[in-house]
Amino acid sequence: MRYHFPGNVRELENIIERAVVLARDEIITTDDLPAGLHVQTERSVLNPLDLSHGFIEKVAAFEKTMIEHALKLKNGNQSQAAKLLGISERHLRSRMQKLNIVNTLRSR
């Protein structure tokens, strides 16, 4: 909602329609948006010098990025990801739930 879209209304409408069709869940997330748009939005939130986002939002975005990266590095294994991050599995699961992180890489 805070992202300044550089295109016109028709382009934005096409992006939203595409996201609705391709969304994996009932809620459209940044993962459902085109990669270029997702990267720009993520960079803005994670950039410590961009003050257009609040402190809490920036900390949550940074934490979410760290957790998702740890899960990718450990192929979705939450136990190993927690060790990599230096936190307990319980804390990891709690943060994942609070930050709405879905582990799509779960080891089977």
PDB file of N, CA and C in Angstrom:
ATOM      1  N   MET A   1       0.823  -1.197   0.000  1.00  0.00           N
ATOM      2  CA  MET A   1       0.000   0.000   0.000  1.00  0.00           C
ATOM      3  C   MET A   1       0.869   1.264   0.000  1.00  0.00           C
ATOM      4  N   ARG A   2       2.077   1.177   0.535  1.00  0.00           N
ATOM      5  CA  ARG A   2       2.936   2.349   0.584  1.00  0.00           C
ATOM      6  C   ARG A   2       3.829   2.488  -0.636  1.00  0.00           C
ATOM      7  N   TYR A   3       3.811   1.492  -1.509  1.00  0.00           N
ATOM      8  CA  TYR A   3       4.682   1.504  -2.673  1.00  0.00           C
ATOM      9  C   TYR A   3       4.164   2.506  -3.697  1.00  0.00           C
ATOM     10  N   HIS A   4       5.032   3.370  -4.176  1.00  0.00           N
ATOM     11  CA  HIS A   4       4.681   4.317  -5.222  1.00  0.00           C
ATOM     12  C   HIS A   4       4.832   3.611  -6.562  1.00  0.00           C
ATOM     13  N   PHE A   5       3.707   3.280  -7.186  1.00  0.00           N
ATOM     14  CA  PHE A   5       3.737   2.540  -8.448  1.00  0.00           C
ATOM     15  C   PHE A   5       4.135   3.481  -9.584  1.00  0.00           C
ATOM     16  N   PRO A   6       5.217   3.147 -10.323  1.00  0.00           N
ATOM     17  CA  PRO A   6       5.714   4.051 -11.362  1.00  0.00           C
ATOM     18  C   PRO A   6       4.917   4.014 -12.673  1.00  0.00           C
ATOM     19  N   GLY A   7       4.054   3.015 -12.852  1.00  0.00           N
ATOM     20  CA  GLY A   7       3.322   2.875 -14.104  1.00  0.00           C
ATOM     21  C   GLY A   7       1.975   3.568 -14.075  1.00  0.00           C
ATOM     22  N   ASN A   8       1.161   3.269 -15.098  1.00  0.00           N
ATOM     23  CA  ASN A   8      -0.168   3.862 -15.144  1.00  0.00           C
ATOM     24  C   ASN A   8      -1.198   2.915 -14.535  1.00  0.00           C
ATOM     25  N   VAL A   9      -2.416   3.371 -14.430  1.00  0.00           N
ATOM     26  CA  VAL A   9      -3.485   2.599 -13.782  1.00  0.00           C
ATOM     27  C   VAL A   9      -3.756   1.287 -14.505  1.00  0.00           C
ATOM     28  N   ARG A  10      -3.704   1.290 -15.831  1.00  0.00           N
ATOM     29  CA  ARG A  10      -3.948   0.069 -16.604  1.00  0.00           C
ATOM     30  C   ARG A  10      -2.887  -0.991 -16.298  1.00  0.00           C
ATOM     31  N   GLU A  11      -1.621  -0.586 -16.169  1.00  0.00           N
ATOM     32  CA  GLU A  11      -0.551  -1.526 -15.819  1.00  0.00           C
ATOM     33  C   GLU A  11      -0.775  -2.105 -14.427  1.00  0.00           C
ATOM     34  N   LEU A  12      -1.150  -1.253 -13.503  1.00  0.00           N
ATOM     35  CA  LEU A  12      -1.419  -1.706 -12.144  1.00  0.00           C
ATOM     36  C   LEU A  12      -2.593  -2.680 -12.124  1.00  0.00           C
ATOM     37  N   GLU A  13      -3.633  -2.364 -12.882  1.00  0.00           N
ATOM     38  CA  GLU A  13      -4.796  -3.250 -12.973  1.00  0.00           C
ATOM     39  C   GLU A  13      -4.403  -4.629 -13.515  1.00  0.00           C
ATOM     40  N   ASN A  14      -3.551  -4.663 -14.533  1.00  0.00           N
ATOM     41  CA  ASN A  14      -3.090  -5.936 -15.103  1.00  0.00           C
ATOM     42  C   ASN A  14      -2.280  -6.740 -14.091  1.00  0.00           C
ATOM     43  N   ILE A  15      -1.444  -6.063 -13.330  1.00  0.00           N
ATOM     44  CA  ILE A  15      -0.637  -6.749 -12.311  1.00  0.00           C
ATOM     45  C   ILE A  15      -1.537  -7.371 -11.253  1.00  0.00           C
ATOM     46  N   ILE A  16      -2.537  -6.629 -10.803  1.00  0.00           N
ATOM     47  CA  ILE A  16      -3.451  -7.138  -9.771  1.00  0.00           C
ATOM     48  C   ILE A  16      -4.272  -8.308 -10.307  1.00  0.00           C
ATOM     49  N   GLU A  17      -4.787  -8.191 -11.526  1.00  0.00           N
ATOM     50  CA  GLU A  17      -5.557  -9.289 -12.123  1.00  0.00           C
ATOM     51  C   GLU A  17      -4.700 -10.549 -12.233  1.00  0.00           C
ATOM     52  N   ARG A  18      -3.468 -10.382 -12.656  1.00  0.00           N
ATOM     53  CA  ARG A  18      -2.550 -11.528 -12.762  1.00  0.00           C
ATOM     54  C   ARG A  18      -2.309 -12.153 -11.389  1.00  0.00           C
ATOM     55  N   ALA A  19      -2.110 -11.307 -10.382  1.00  0.00           N
ATOM     56  CA  ALA A  19      -1.867 -11.805  -9.023  1.00  0.00           C
ATOM     57  C   ALA A  19      -3.075 -12.572  -8.503  1.00  0.00           C
ATOM     58  N   VAL A  20      -4.274 -12.096  -8.804  1.00  0.00           N
ATOM     59  CA  VAL A  20      -5.497 -12.784  -8.351  1.00  0.00           C
ATOM     60  C   VAL A  20      -5.567 -14.178  -8.971  1.00  0.00           C
ATOM     61  N   VAL A  21      -5.246 -14.273 -10.246  1.00  0.00           N
ATOM     62  CA  VAL A  21      -5.305 -15.562 -10.940  1.00  0.00           C
ATOM     63  C   VAL A  21      -4.222 -16.521 -10.441  1.00  0.00           C
ATOM     64  N   LEU A  22      -3.019 -15.997 -10.198  1.00  0.00           N
ATOM     65  CA  LEU A  22      -1.889 -16.860  -9.853  1.00  0.00           C
ATOM     66  C   LEU A  22      -1.660 -17.039  -8.354  1.00  0.00           C
ATOM     67  N   ALA A  23      -2.397 -16.323  -7.523  1.00  0.00           N
ATOM     68  CA  ALA A  23      -2.193 -16.407  -6.070  1.00  0.00           C
ATOM     69  C   ALA A  23      -2.408 -17.830  -5.579  1.00  0.00           C
ATOM     70  N   ARG A  24      -1.514 -18.270  -4.689  1.00  0.00           N
ATOM     71  CA  ARG A  24      -1.584 -19.624  -4.150  1.00  0.00           C
ATOM     72  C   ARG A  24      -2.577 -19.728  -3.000  1.00  0.00           C
ATOM     73  N   ASP A  25      -2.859 -18.611  -2.367  1.00  0.00           N
ATOM     74  CA  ASP A  25      -3.775 -18.590  -1.227  1.00  0.00           C
ATOM     75  C   ASP A  25      -4.881 -17.573  -1.486  1.00  0.00           C
ATOM     76  N   GLU A  26      -5.727 -17.378  -0.490  1.00  0.00           N
ATOM     77  CA  GLU A  26      -6.810 -16.408  -0.614  1.00  0.00           C
ATOM     78  C   GLU A  26      -6.311 -14.977  -0.495  1.00  0.00           C
ATOM     79  N   ILE A  27      -5.107 -14.803   0.047  1.00  0.00           N
ATOM     80  CA  ILE A  27      -4.536 -13.479   0.226  1.00  0.00           C
ATOM     81  C   ILE A  27      -3.378 -13.305  -0.742  1.00  0.00           C
ATOM     82  N   ILE A  28      -3.354 -12.183  -1.450  1.00  0.00           N
ATOM     83  CA  ILE A  28      -2.251 -11.885  -2.363  1.00  0.00           C
ATOM     84  C   ILE A  28      -1.092 -11.351  -1.539  1.00  0.00           C
ATOM     85  N   THR A  29       0.070 -11.969  -1.711  1.00  0.00           N
ATOM     86  CA  THR A  29       1.276 -11.517  -1.015  1.00  0.00           C
ATOM     87  C   THR A  29       2.267 -10.982  -2.035  1.00  0.00           C
ATOM     88  N   THR A  30       3.378 -10.454  -1.564  1.00  0.00           N
ATOM     89  CA  THR A  30       4.396  -9.949  -2.488  1.00  0.00           C
ATOM     90  C   THR A  30       4.953 -11.059  -3.364  1.00  0.00           C
ATOM     91  N   ASP A  31       4.872 -12.303  -2.907  1.00  0.00           N
ATOM     92  CA  ASP A  31       5.348 -13.435  -3.711  1.00  0.00           C
ATOM     93  C   ASP A  31       4.498 -13.634  -4.963  1.00  0.00           C
ATOM     94  N   ASP A  32       3.262 -13.133  -4.941  1.00  0.00           N
ATOM     95  CA  ASP A  32       2.357 -13.273  -6.075  1.00  0.00           C
ATOM     96  C   ASP A  32       2.513 -12.146  -7.096  1.00  0.00           C
ATOM     97  N   LEU A  33       3.331 -11.155  -6.769  1.00  0.00           N
ATOM     98  CA  LEU A  33       3.551 -10.024  -7.658  1.00  0.00           C
ATOM     99  C   LEU A  33       4.774 -10.276  -8.534  1.00  0.00           C
ATOM    100  N   PRO A  34       4.893  -9.570  -9.655  1.00  0.00           N
ATOM    101  CA  PRO A  34       6.064  -9.741 -10.524  1.00  0.00           C
ATOM    102  C   PRO A  34       7.355  -9.499  -9.751  1.00  0.00           C
ATOM    103  N   ALA A  35       8.398 -10.221 -10.126  1.00  0.00           N
ATOM    104  CA  ALA A  35       9.666 -10.177  -9.396  1.00  0.00           C
ATOM    105  C   ALA A  35      10.224  -8.765  -9.281  1.00  0.00           C
ATOM    106  N   GLY A  36      10.204  -7.995 -10.339  1.00  0.00           N
ATOM    107  CA  GLY A  36      10.748  -6.638 -10.298  1.00  0.00           C
ATOM    108  C   GLY A  36      10.054  -5.760  -9.283  1.00  0.00           C
ATOM    109  N   LEU A  37       8.754  -5.870  -9.192  1.00  0.00           N
ATOM    110  CA  LEU A  37       7.977  -5.084  -8.238  1.00  0.00           C
ATOM    111  C   LEU A  37       8.271  -5.546  -6.816  1.00  0.00           C
ATOM    112  N   HIS A  38       8.394  -6.849  -6.626  1.00  0.00           N
ATOM    113  CA  HIS A  38       8.680  -7.415  -5.309  1.00  0.00           C
ATOM    114  C   HIS A  38      10.037  -6.959  -4.803  1.00  0.00           C
ATOM    115  N   VAL A  39      11.047  -6.997  -5.670  1.00  0.00           N
ATOM    116  CA  VAL A  39      12.405  -6.619  -5.281  1.00  0.00           C
ATOM    117  C   VAL A  39      12.458  -5.148  -4.904  1.00  0.00           C
ATOM    118  N   GLN A  40      11.804  -4.283  -5.676  1.00  0.00           N
ATOM    119  CA  GLN A  40      11.813  -2.851  -5.373  1.00  0.00           C
ATOM    120  C   GLN A  40      11.147  -2.579  -4.035  1.00  0.00           C
ATOM    121  N   THR A  41      10.034  -3.213  -3.771  1.00  0.00           N
ATOM    122  CA  THR A  41       9.328  -3.016  -2.514  1.00  0.00           C
ATOM    123  C   THR A  41      10.160  -3.514  -1.352  1.00  0.00           C
ATOM    124  N   GLU A  42      10.758  -4.701  -1.493  1.00  0.00           N
ATOM    125  CA  GLU A  42      11.581  -5.279  -0.433  1.00  0.00           C
ATOM    126  C   GLU A  42      12.800  -4.408  -0.159  1.00  0.00           C
ATOM    127  N   ARG A  43      13.439  -3.923  -1.205  1.00  0.00           N
ATOM    128  CA  ARG A  43      14.609  -3.054  -1.031  1.00  0.00           C
ATOM    129  C   ARG A  43      14.252  -1.798  -0.261  1.00  0.00           C
ATOM    130  N   SER A  44      13.099  -1.229  -0.571  1.00  0.00           N
ATOM    131  CA  SER A  44      12.659  -0.011   0.104  1.00  0.00           C
ATOM    132  C   SER A  44      12.470  -0.261   1.597  1.00  0.00           C
ATOM    133  N   VAL A  45      11.835  -1.357   1.944  1.00  0.00           N
ATOM    134  CA  VAL A  45      11.588  -1.664   3.355  1.00  0.00           C
ATOM    135  C   VAL A  45      12.883  -2.004   4.071  1.00  0.00           C
ATOM    136  N   LEU A  46      13.779  -2.735   3.421  1.00  0.00           N
ATOM    137  CA  LEU A  46      15.012  -3.166   4.067  1.00  0.00           C
ATOM    138  C   LEU A  46      16.105  -2.105   4.074  1.00  0.00           C
ATOM    139  N   ASN A  47      15.978  -1.077   3.275  1.00  0.00           N
ATOM    140  CA  ASN A  47      16.984  -0.017   3.236  1.00  0.00           C
ATOM    141  C   ASN A  47      16.886   0.835   4.511  1.00  0.00           C
ATOM    142  N   PRO A  48      17.909   0.827   5.361  1.00  0.00           N
ATOM    143  CA  PRO A  48      17.822   1.575   6.618  1.00  0.00           C
ATOM    144  C   PRO A  48      17.775   3.088   6.417  1.00  0.00           C
ATOM    145  N   LEU A  49      18.176   3.569   5.245  1.00  0.00           N
ATOM    146  CA  LEU A  49      18.154   5.006   4.994  1.00  0.00           C
ATOM    147  C   LEU A  49      16.829   5.495   4.427  1.00  0.00           C
ATOM    148  N   ASP A  50      15.988   4.575   3.977  1.00  0.00           N
ATOM    149  CA  ASP A  50      14.661   4.936   3.472  1.00  0.00           C
ATOM    150  C   ASP A  50      13.707   4.996   4.657  1.00  0.00           C
ATOM    151  N   LEU A  51      13.344   6.180   5.057  1.00  0.00           N
ATOM    152  CA  LEU A  51      12.521   6.355   6.260  1.00  0.00           C
ATOM    153  C   LEU A  51      11.021   6.416   5.961  1.00  0.00           C
ATOM    154  N   SER A  52      10.616   5.972   4.771  1.00  0.00           N
ATOM    155  CA  SER A  52       9.194   5.990   4.432  1.00  0.00           C
ATOM    156  C   SER A  52       8.424   4.860   5.114  1.00  0.00           C
ATOM    157  N   HIS A  53       9.142   3.914   5.697  1.00  0.00           N
ATOM    158  CA  HIS A  53       8.518   2.811   6.431  1.00  0.00           C
ATOM    159  C   HIS A  53       8.865   2.975   7.902  1.00  0.00           C
ATOM    160  N   GLY A  54       7.977   2.565   8.779  1.00  0.00           N
ATOM    161  CA  GLY A  54       8.210   2.686  10.208  1.00  0.00           C
ATOM    162  C   GLY A  54       9.223   1.686  10.738  1.00  0.00           C
ATOM    163  N   PHE A  55       9.721   1.965  11.925  1.00  0.00           N
ATOM    164  CA  PHE A  55      10.729   1.122  12.575  1.00  0.00           C
ATOM    165  C   PHE A  55      10.244  -0.314  12.734  1.00  0.00           C
ATOM    166  N   ILE A  56       9.035  -0.500  13.249  1.00  0.00           N
ATOM    167  CA  ILE A  56       8.493  -1.842  13.490  1.00  0.00           C
ATOM    168  C   ILE A  56       8.393  -2.611  12.175  1.00  0.00           C
ATOM    169  N   GLU A  57       7.926  -1.956  11.130  1.00  0.00           N
ATOM    170  CA  GLU A  57       7.796  -2.608   9.821  1.00  0.00           C
ATOM    171  C   GLU A  57       9.161  -3.020   9.276  1.00  0.00           C
ATOM    172  N   LYS A  58      10.160  -2.178   9.439  1.00  0.00           N
ATOM    173  CA  LYS A  58      11.502  -2.484   8.955  1.00  0.00           C
ATOM    174  C   LYS A  58      12.116  -3.658   9.725  1.00  0.00           C
ATOM    175  N   VAL A  59      11.955  -3.670  11.041  1.00  0.00           N
ATOM    176  CA  VAL A  59      12.501  -4.757  11.861  1.00  0.00           C
ATOM    177  C   VAL A  59      11.822  -6.077  11.480  1.00  0.00           C
ATOM    178  N   ALA A  60      10.500  -6.051  11.301  1.00  0.00           N
ATOM    179  CA  ALA A  60       9.766  -7.263  10.922  1.00  0.00           C
ATOM    180  C   ALA A  60      10.211  -7.757   9.548  1.00  0.00           C
ATOM    181  N   ALA A  61      10.409  -6.844   8.601  1.00  0.00           N
ATOM    182  CA  ALA A  61      10.851  -7.231   7.255  1.00  0.00           C
ATOM    183  C   ALA A  61      12.244  -7.844   7.298  1.00  0.00           C
ATOM    184  N   PHE A  62      13.129  -7.260   8.103  1.00  0.00           N
ATOM    185  CA  PHE A  62      14.487  -7.785   8.227  1.00  0.00           C
ATOM    186  C   PHE A  62      14.461  -9.181   8.850  1.00  0.00           C
ATOM    187  N   GLU A  63      13.675  -9.333   9.914  1.00  0.00           N
ATOM    188  CA  GLU A  63      13.567 -10.625  10.598  1.00  0.00           C
ATOM    189  C   GLU A  63      12.991 -11.686   9.657  1.00  0.00           C
ATOM    190  N   LYS A  64      11.961 -11.319   8.919  1.00  0.00           N
ATOM    191  CA  LYS A  64      11.341 -12.257   7.977  1.00  0.00           C
ATOM    192  C   LYS A  64      12.339 -12.687   6.911  1.00  0.00           C
ATOM    193  N   THR A  65      13.108 -11.742   6.392  1.00  0.00           N
ATOM    194  CA  THR A  65      14.108 -12.053   5.375  1.00  0.00           C
ATOM    195  C   THR A  65      15.157 -13.010   5.922  1.00  0.00           C
ATOM    196  N   MET A  66      15.618 -12.767   7.147  1.00  0.00           N
ATOM    197  CA  MET A  66      16.616 -13.645   7.761  1.00  0.00           C
ATOM    198  C   MET A  66      16.078 -15.062   7.932  1.00  0.00           C
ATOM    199  N   ILE A  67      14.858 -15.181   8.439  1.00  0.00           N
ATOM    200  CA  ILE A  67      14.264 -16.499   8.678  1.00  0.00           C
ATOM    201  C   ILE A  67      14.062 -17.239   7.362  1.00  0.00           C
ATOM    202  N   GLU A  68      13.515 -16.550   6.354  1.00  0.00           N
ATOM    203  CA  GLU A  68      13.294 -17.203   5.060  1.00  0.00           C
ATOM    204  C   GLU A  68      14.616 -17.647   4.437  1.00  0.00           C
ATOM    205  N   HIS A  69      15.645 -16.844   4.575  1.00  0.00           N
ATOM    206  CA  HIS A  69      16.956 -17.207   4.023  1.00  0.00           C
ATOM    207  C   HIS A  69      17.532 -18.428   4.756  1.00  0.00           C
ATOM    208  N   ALA A  70      17.415 -18.445   6.078  1.00  0.00           N
ATOM    209  CA  ALA A  70      17.910 -19.587   6.856  1.00  0.00           C
ATOM    210  C   ALA A  70      17.160 -20.861   6.463  1.00  0.00           C
ATOM    211  N   LEU A  71      15.850 -20.763   6.276  1.00  0.00           N
ATOM    212  CA  LEU A  71      15.065 -21.927   5.868  1.00  0.00           C
ATOM    213  C   LEU A  71      15.497 -22.422   4.487  1.00  0.00           C
ATOM    214  N   LYS A  72      15.772 -21.491   3.568  1.00  0.00           N
ATOM    215  CA  LYS A  72      16.232 -21.893   2.234  1.00  0.00           C
ATOM    216  C   LYS A  72      17.587 -22.589   2.320  1.00  0.00           C
ATOM    217  N   LEU A  73      18.486 -22.026   3.116  1.00  0.00           N
ATOM    218  CA  LEU A  73      19.820 -22.625   3.255  1.00  0.00           C
ATOM    219  C   LEU A  73      19.761 -24.026   3.843  1.00  0.00           C
ATOM    220  N   LYS A  74      18.778 -24.268   4.704  1.00  0.00           N
ATOM    221  CA  LYS A  74      18.654 -25.568   5.367  1.00  0.00           C
ATOM    222  C   LYS A  74      17.523 -26.403   4.774  1.00  0.00           C
ATOM    223  N   ASN A  75      17.155 -26.101   3.524  1.00  0.00           N
ATOM    224  CA  ASN A  75      16.138 -26.871   2.788  1.00  0.00           C
ATOM    225  C   ASN A  75      14.839 -27.054   3.571  1.00  0.00           C
ATOM    226  N   GLY A  76      14.431 -26.019   4.287  1.00  0.00           N
ATOM    227  CA  GLY A  76      13.166 -26.046   5.004  1.00  0.00           C
ATOM    228  C   GLY A  76      13.218 -26.700   6.374  1.00  0.00           C
ATOM    229  N   ASN A  77      14.363 -27.199   6.772  1.00  0.00           N
ATOM    230  CA  ASN A  77      14.484 -27.858   8.072  1.00  0.00           C
ATOM    231  C   ASN A  77      14.514 -26.792   9.173  1.00  0.00           C
ATOM    232  N   GLN A  78      13.425 -26.726   9.937  1.00  0.00           N
ATOM    233  CA  GLN A  78      13.282 -25.688  10.955  1.00  0.00           C
ATOM    234  C   GLN A  78      14.282 -25.840  12.089  1.00  0.00           C
ATOM    235  N   SER A  79      14.598 -27.058  12.453  1.00  0.00           N
ATOM    236  CA  SER A  79      15.557 -27.300  13.524  1.00  0.00           C
ATOM    237  C   SER A  79      16.929 -26.743  13.152  1.00  0.00           C
ATOM    238  N   GLN A  80      17.367 -27.052  11.944  1.00  0.00           N
ATOM    239  CA  GLN A  80      18.673 -26.577  11.486  1.00  0.00           C
ATOM    240  C   GLN A  80      18.671 -25.062  11.261  1.00  0.00           C
ATOM    241  N   ALA A  81      17.570 -24.533  10.757  1.00  0.00           N
ATOM    242  CA  ALA A  81      17.462 -23.089  10.543  1.00  0.00           C
ATOM    243  C   ALA A  81      17.533 -22.349  11.873  1.00  0.00           C
ATOM    244  N   ALA A  82      16.876 -22.888  12.892  1.00  0.00           N
ATOM    245  CA  ALA A  82      16.910 -22.267  14.225  1.00  0.00           C
ATOM    246  C   ALA A  82      18.345 -22.246  14.761  1.00  0.00           C
ATOM    247  N   LYS A  83      19.052 -23.358  14.596  1.00  0.00           N
ATOM    248  CA  LYS A  83      20.452 -23.411  15.044  1.00  0.00           C
ATOM    249  C   LYS A  83      21.294 -22.372  14.308  1.00  0.00           C
ATOM    250  N   LEU A  84      21.096 -22.258  12.999  1.00  0.00           N
ATOM    251  CA  LEU A  84      21.830 -21.287  12.194  1.00  0.00           C
ATOM    252  C   LEU A  84      21.584 -19.860  12.682  1.00  0.00           C
ATOM    253  N   LEU A  85      20.350 -19.584  13.075  1.00  0.00           N
ATOM    254  CA  LEU A  85      19.981 -18.248  13.542  1.00  0.00           C
ATOM    255  C   LEU A  85      20.337 -18.020  15.010  1.00  0.00           C
ATOM    256  N   GLY A  86      20.678 -19.091  15.724  1.00  0.00           N
ATOM    257  CA  GLY A  86      21.023 -18.969  17.137  1.00  0.00           C
ATOM    258  C   GLY A  86      19.819 -18.776  18.039  1.00  0.00           C
ATOM    259  N   ILE A  87      18.678 -19.363  17.629  1.00  0.00           N
ATOM    260  CA  ILE A  87      17.459 -19.286  18.439  1.00  0.00           C
ATOM    261  C   ILE A  87      16.882 -20.691  18.596  1.00  0.00           C
ATOM    262  N   SER A  88      15.935 -20.833  19.508  1.00  0.00           N
ATOM    263  CA  SER A  88      15.318 -22.145  19.716  1.00  0.00           C
ATOM    264  C   SER A  88      14.299 -22.425  18.608  1.00  0.00           C
ATOM    265  N   GLU A  89      13.993 -23.703  18.422  1.00  0.00           N
ATOM    266  CA  GLU A  89      12.966 -24.077  17.437  1.00  0.00           C
ATOM    267  C   GLU A  89      11.628 -23.460  17.802  1.00  0.00           C
ATOM    268  N   ARG A  90      11.324 -23.434  19.078  1.00  0.00           N
ATOM    269  CA  ARG A  90      10.060 -22.858  19.539  1.00  0.00           C
ATOM    270  C   ARG A  90       9.983 -21.369  19.188  1.00  0.00           C
ATOM    271  N   HIS A  91      11.085 -20.658  19.407  1.00  0.00           N
ATOM    272  CA  HIS A  91      11.128 -19.239  19.071  1.00  0.00           C
ATOM    273  C   HIS A  91      10.987 -19.039  17.562  1.00  0.00           C
ATOM    274  N   LEU A  92      11.649 -19.879  16.783  1.00  0.00           N
ATOM    275  CA  LEU A  92      11.552 -19.803  15.328  1.00  0.00           C
ATOM    276  C   LEU A  92      10.107 -19.991  14.882  1.00  0.00           C
ATOM    277  N   ARG A  93       9.457 -21.034  15.376  1.00  0.00           N
ATOM    278  CA  ARG A  93       8.062 -21.289  14.995  1.00  0.00           C
ATOM    279  C   ARG A  93       7.158 -20.136  15.406  1.00  0.00           C
ATOM    280  N   SER A  94       7.396 -19.571  16.577  1.00  0.00           N
ATOM    281  CA  SER A  94       6.609 -18.441  17.052  1.00  0.00           C
ATOM    282  C   SER A  94       6.770 -17.235  16.129  1.00  0.00           C
ATOM    283  N   ARG A  95       8.011 -16.947  15.739  1.00  0.00           N
ATOM    284  CA  ARG A  95       8.276 -15.800  14.857  1.00  0.00           C
ATOM    285  C   ARG A  95       7.698 -16.047  13.464  1.00  0.00           C
ATOM    286  N   MET A  96       7.794 -17.297  12.991  1.00  0.00           N
ATOM    287  CA  MET A  96       7.232 -17.632  11.684  1.00  0.00           C
ATOM    288  C   MET A  96       5.727 -17.398  11.669  1.00  0.00           C
ATOM    289  N   GLN A  97       5.071 -17.800  12.754  1.00  0.00           N
ATOM    290  CA  GLN A  97       3.624 -17.618  12.849  1.00  0.00           C
ATOM    291  C   GLN A  97       3.277 -16.127  12.898  1.00  0.00           C
ATOM    292  N   LYS A  98       3.996 -15.378  13.705  1.00  0.00           N
ATOM    293  CA  LYS A  98       3.722 -13.951  13.847  1.00  0.00           C
ATOM    294  C   LYS A  98       3.985 -13.192  12.542  1.00  0.00           C
ATOM    295  N   LEU A  99       5.011 -13.594  11.798  1.00  0.00           N
ATOM    296  CA  LEU A  99       5.376 -12.911  10.559  1.00  0.00           C
ATOM    297  C   LEU A  99       4.719 -13.519   9.319  1.00  0.00           C
ATOM    298  N   ASN A 100       3.836 -14.502   9.528  1.00  0.00           N
ATOM    299  CA  ASN A 100       3.128 -15.171   8.428  1.00  0.00           C
ATOM    300  C   ASN A 100       4.093 -15.784   7.416  1.00  0.00           C
ATOM    301  N   ILE A 101       5.075 -16.499   7.926  1.00  0.00           N
ATOM    302  CA  ILE A 101       6.040 -17.174   7.052  1.00  0.00           C
ATOM    303  C   ILE A 101       5.568 -18.611   6.854  1.00  0.00           C
ATOM    304  N   VAL A 102       5.368 -18.966   5.598  1.00  0.00           N
ATOM    305  CA  VAL A 102       4.973 -20.325   5.264  1.00  0.00           C
ATOM    306  C   VAL A 102       6.215 -21.045   4.771  1.00  0.00           C
ATOM    307  N   ASN A 103       6.529 -22.160   5.385  1.00  0.00           N
ATOM    308  CA  ASN A 103       7.706 -22.932   5.008  1.00  0.00           C
ATOM    309  C   ASN A 103       7.368 -23.821   3.822  1.00  0.00           C
ATOM    310  N   THR A 104       7.620 -23.309   2.629  1.00  0.00           N
ATOM    311  CA  THR A 104       7.313 -24.082   1.410  1.00  0.00           C
ATOM    312  C   THR A 104       8.418 -25.077   1.073  1.00  0.00           C
ATOM    313  N   LEU A 105       9.513 -25.043   1.830  1.00  0.00           N
ATOM    314  CA  LEU A 105      10.667 -25.915   1.553  1.00  0.00           C
ATOM    315  C   LEU A 105      10.769 -27.076   2.531  1.00  0.00           C
ATOM    316  N   ARG A 106       9.702 -27.377   3.226  1.00  0.00           N
ATOM    317  CA  ARG A 106       9.763 -28.412   4.275  1.00  0.00           C
ATOM    318  C   ARG A 106      10.410 -29.685   3.782  1.00  0.00           C
ATOM    319  N   SER A 107      11.345 -30.169   4.549  1.00  0.00           N
ATOM    320  CA  SER A 107      11.991 -31.456   4.233  1.00  0.00           C
ATOM    321  C   SER A 107      11.022 -32.574   4.499  1.00  0.00           C
ATOM    322  N   ARG A 108      11.045 -33.543   3.625  1.00  0.00           N
ATOM    323  CA  ARG A 108      10.138 -34.679   3.809  1.00  0.00           C
ATOM    324  C   ARG A 108      10.919 -35.906   4.144  1.00  0.00           C
TER     325      ARG A 108
END
